[in-house]
N, C-alpha and C. Protein backbone atom coordinates (compact mmCIF):
# COMPACT_ATOMS: atom_id res chain seq x y z
N UNK A 1 -37.72 50.17 9.41
CA UNK A 1 -38.76 49.36 10.00
C UNK A 1 -38.17 48.20 10.79
N UNK A 2 -37.03 47.68 10.35
CA UNK A 2 -36.42 46.55 11.03
C UNK A 2 -36.01 46.91 12.46
N UNK A 3 -35.43 48.11 12.63
CA UNK A 3 -35.03 48.53 13.97
C UNK A 3 -36.25 48.68 14.87
N UNK A 4 -37.36 49.06 14.29
CA UNK A 4 -38.61 49.19 15.05
C UNK A 4 -39.00 47.83 15.63
N UNK A 5 -38.89 46.78 14.84
CA UNK A 5 -39.22 45.45 15.32
C UNK A 5 -38.26 45.00 16.41
N UNK A 6 -36.98 45.34 16.28
CA UNK A 6 -36.02 44.97 17.31
C UNK A 6 -36.29 45.69 18.62
N UNK A 7 -36.69 46.93 18.52
CA UNK A 7 -37.02 47.68 19.73
C UNK A 7 -38.26 47.08 20.40
N UNK A 8 -39.25 46.73 19.60
CA UNK A 8 -40.44 46.08 20.15
C UNK A 8 -40.09 44.75 20.81
N UNK A 9 -39.23 43.99 20.16
CA UNK A 9 -38.82 42.70 20.71
C UNK A 9 -38.07 42.88 22.03
N UNK A 10 -37.20 43.88 22.08
CA UNK A 10 -36.48 44.16 23.32
C UNK A 10 -37.40 44.59 24.45
N UNK A 11 -38.37 45.42 24.11
CA UNK A 11 -39.33 45.87 25.12
C UNK A 11 -40.19 44.71 25.61
N UNK A 12 -40.60 43.86 24.68
CA UNK A 12 -41.39 42.69 25.07
C UNK A 12 -40.57 41.74 25.93
N UNK A 13 -39.33 41.57 25.57
CA UNK A 13 -38.46 40.68 26.35
C UNK A 13 -38.27 41.21 27.76
N UNK A 14 -38.08 42.49 27.86
CA UNK A 14 -37.92 43.09 29.18
C UNK A 14 -39.18 42.93 30.01
N UNK A 15 -40.32 43.08 29.37
CA UNK A 15 -41.59 42.92 30.09
C UNK A 15 -41.87 41.49 30.50
N UNK A 16 -41.40 40.54 29.71
CA UNK A 16 -41.64 39.13 30.00
C UNK A 16 -40.58 38.51 30.89
N UNK A 17 -39.48 39.18 31.02
CA UNK A 17 -38.33 38.60 31.70
C UNK A 17 -38.57 38.39 33.20
N UNK A 18 -37.91 37.40 33.71
CA UNK A 18 -37.93 37.12 35.14
C UNK A 18 -36.49 36.91 35.59
N UNK A 19 -36.25 37.00 36.87
CA UNK A 19 -34.88 36.86 37.38
C UNK A 19 -34.57 35.43 37.76
N UNK A 20 -33.32 35.06 37.57
CA UNK A 20 -32.82 33.79 38.03
C UNK A 20 -31.94 34.02 39.25
N UNK A 21 -31.37 32.96 39.78
CA UNK A 21 -30.53 33.09 40.97
C UNK A 21 -29.10 33.53 40.64
N UNK A 22 -28.61 33.16 39.46
CA UNK A 22 -27.25 33.51 39.07
C UNK A 22 -27.29 34.37 37.81
N UNK A 23 -26.16 34.98 37.51
CA UNK A 23 -26.08 35.81 36.31
C UNK A 23 -26.37 34.99 35.06
N UNK A 24 -25.87 33.77 35.00
CA UNK A 24 -26.12 32.89 33.86
C UNK A 24 -27.59 32.56 33.69
N UNK A 25 -28.26 32.27 34.78
CA UNK A 25 -29.70 31.99 34.72
C UNK A 25 -30.47 33.22 34.26
N UNK A 26 -30.08 34.38 34.75
CA UNK A 26 -30.75 35.62 34.36
C UNK A 26 -30.60 35.85 32.86
N UNK A 27 -29.40 35.65 32.35
CA UNK A 27 -29.17 35.84 30.91
C UNK A 27 -29.93 34.80 30.10
N UNK A 28 -29.96 33.56 30.56
CA UNK A 28 -30.65 32.50 29.83
C UNK A 28 -32.16 32.72 29.80
N UNK A 29 -32.73 33.10 30.91
CA UNK A 29 -34.17 33.37 30.96
C UNK A 29 -34.52 34.55 30.05
N UNK A 30 -33.72 35.59 30.11
CA UNK A 30 -33.95 36.75 29.25
C UNK A 30 -33.79 36.41 27.78
N UNK A 31 -32.81 35.57 27.46
CA UNK A 31 -32.60 35.16 26.06
C UNK A 31 -33.80 34.38 25.55
N UNK A 32 -34.36 33.52 26.39
CA UNK A 32 -35.55 32.77 25.99
C UNK A 32 -36.73 33.69 25.74
N UNK A 33 -36.92 34.65 26.62
CA UNK A 33 -38.02 35.59 26.46
C UNK A 33 -37.80 36.46 25.22
N UNK A 34 -36.56 36.86 25.00
CA UNK A 34 -36.25 37.68 23.83
C UNK A 34 -36.46 36.93 22.53
N UNK A 35 -36.09 35.66 22.51
CA UNK A 35 -36.30 34.84 21.33
C UNK A 35 -37.79 34.67 21.05
N UNK A 36 -38.56 34.43 22.09
CA UNK A 36 -40.00 34.28 21.93
C UNK A 36 -40.63 35.57 21.42
N UNK A 37 -40.21 36.70 21.96
CA UNK A 37 -40.75 37.98 21.53
C UNK A 37 -40.39 38.25 20.07
N UNK A 38 -39.16 37.93 19.70
CA UNK A 38 -38.74 38.14 18.30
C UNK A 38 -39.53 37.25 17.36
N UNK A 39 -39.83 36.05 17.78
CA UNK A 39 -40.62 35.14 16.95
C UNK A 39 -42.04 35.68 16.75
N UNK A 40 -42.59 36.27 17.80
CA UNK A 40 -43.94 36.81 17.72
C UNK A 40 -44.02 37.99 16.76
N UNK A 41 -43.03 38.86 16.80
CA UNK A 41 -43.07 40.05 15.94
C UNK A 41 -42.39 39.81 14.59
N UNK A 42 -41.88 38.61 14.37
CA UNK A 42 -41.25 38.29 13.10
C UNK A 42 -39.86 38.88 12.94
N UNK A 43 -39.18 39.09 14.05
CA UNK A 43 -37.84 39.67 14.02
C UNK A 43 -36.75 38.62 13.97
N UNK A 44 -35.53 39.06 14.07
CA UNK A 44 -34.37 38.19 14.06
C UNK A 44 -34.28 37.49 15.41
N UNK A 45 -34.33 36.17 15.41
CA UNK A 45 -34.33 35.41 16.67
C UNK A 45 -33.04 35.57 17.44
N UNK A 46 -31.91 35.59 16.73
CA UNK A 46 -30.62 35.75 17.42
C UNK A 46 -30.51 37.11 18.08
N UNK A 47 -30.95 38.14 17.37
CA UNK A 47 -30.92 39.48 17.96
C UNK A 47 -31.86 39.56 19.16
N UNK A 48 -33.01 38.94 19.07
CA UNK A 48 -33.94 38.91 20.19
C UNK A 48 -33.35 38.23 21.41
N UNK A 49 -32.61 37.14 21.17
CA UNK A 49 -31.97 36.43 22.27
C UNK A 49 -30.90 37.29 22.94
N UNK A 50 -30.10 37.97 22.14
CA UNK A 50 -29.04 38.82 22.69
C UNK A 50 -29.64 39.99 23.47
N UNK A 51 -30.61 40.65 22.87
CA UNK A 51 -31.24 41.80 23.54
C UNK A 51 -31.96 41.37 24.81
N UNK A 52 -32.71 40.28 24.74
CA UNK A 52 -33.43 39.80 25.92
C UNK A 52 -32.50 39.36 27.04
N UNK A 53 -31.45 38.64 26.67
CA UNK A 53 -30.49 38.18 27.68
C UNK A 53 -29.80 39.34 28.37
N UNK A 54 -29.35 40.30 27.58
CA UNK A 54 -28.68 41.47 28.15
C UNK A 54 -29.64 42.30 29.00
N UNK A 55 -30.85 42.50 28.49
CA UNK A 55 -31.82 43.32 29.22
C UNK A 55 -32.18 42.70 30.57
N UNK A 56 -32.41 41.39 30.58
CA UNK A 56 -32.79 40.76 31.83
C UNK A 56 -31.63 40.72 32.82
N UNK A 57 -30.43 40.44 32.33
CA UNK A 57 -29.27 40.41 33.23
C UNK A 57 -29.04 41.79 33.84
N UNK A 58 -29.12 42.81 33.03
CA UNK A 58 -28.93 44.17 33.55
C UNK A 58 -30.03 44.54 34.53
N UNK A 59 -31.27 44.24 34.18
CA UNK A 59 -32.39 44.56 35.06
C UNK A 59 -32.23 43.87 36.42
N UNK A 60 -31.90 42.59 36.38
CA UNK A 60 -31.78 41.84 37.63
C UNK A 60 -30.61 42.31 38.48
N UNK A 61 -29.53 42.76 37.84
CA UNK A 61 -28.39 43.28 38.59
C UNK A 61 -28.70 44.64 39.21
N UNK A 62 -29.43 45.46 38.48
CA UNK A 62 -29.75 46.81 38.96
C UNK A 62 -30.88 46.82 39.99
N UNK A 63 -31.85 45.95 39.81
CA UNK A 63 -33.03 45.93 40.68
C UNK A 63 -33.21 44.57 41.32
N UNK A 64 -32.20 44.10 42.00
CA UNK A 64 -32.23 42.77 42.59
C UNK A 64 -33.31 42.63 43.66
N UNK A 65 -33.73 43.72 44.25
CA UNK A 65 -34.78 43.67 45.27
C UNK A 65 -36.15 43.39 44.68
N UNK A 66 -36.32 43.55 43.35
CA UNK A 66 -37.62 43.30 42.70
C UNK A 66 -37.71 41.89 42.12
N UNK A 67 -36.65 41.14 42.21
CA UNK A 67 -36.66 39.79 41.63
C UNK A 67 -37.13 38.75 42.64
């Protein structure tokens, strides 16, 4: 069940994430969204921050035209 919450938190973070101008901003914005999503679902905040930061940075690097 715990992994289920982490997956939900990651999906929520990806959905809430926005792009920044630099890689650091992208990771920080994603980490904030991931932490917030983890708090909402009662998950691990640190894991939410890592997943959200990585997800947003990857998304923004891959789809920079959508940011």
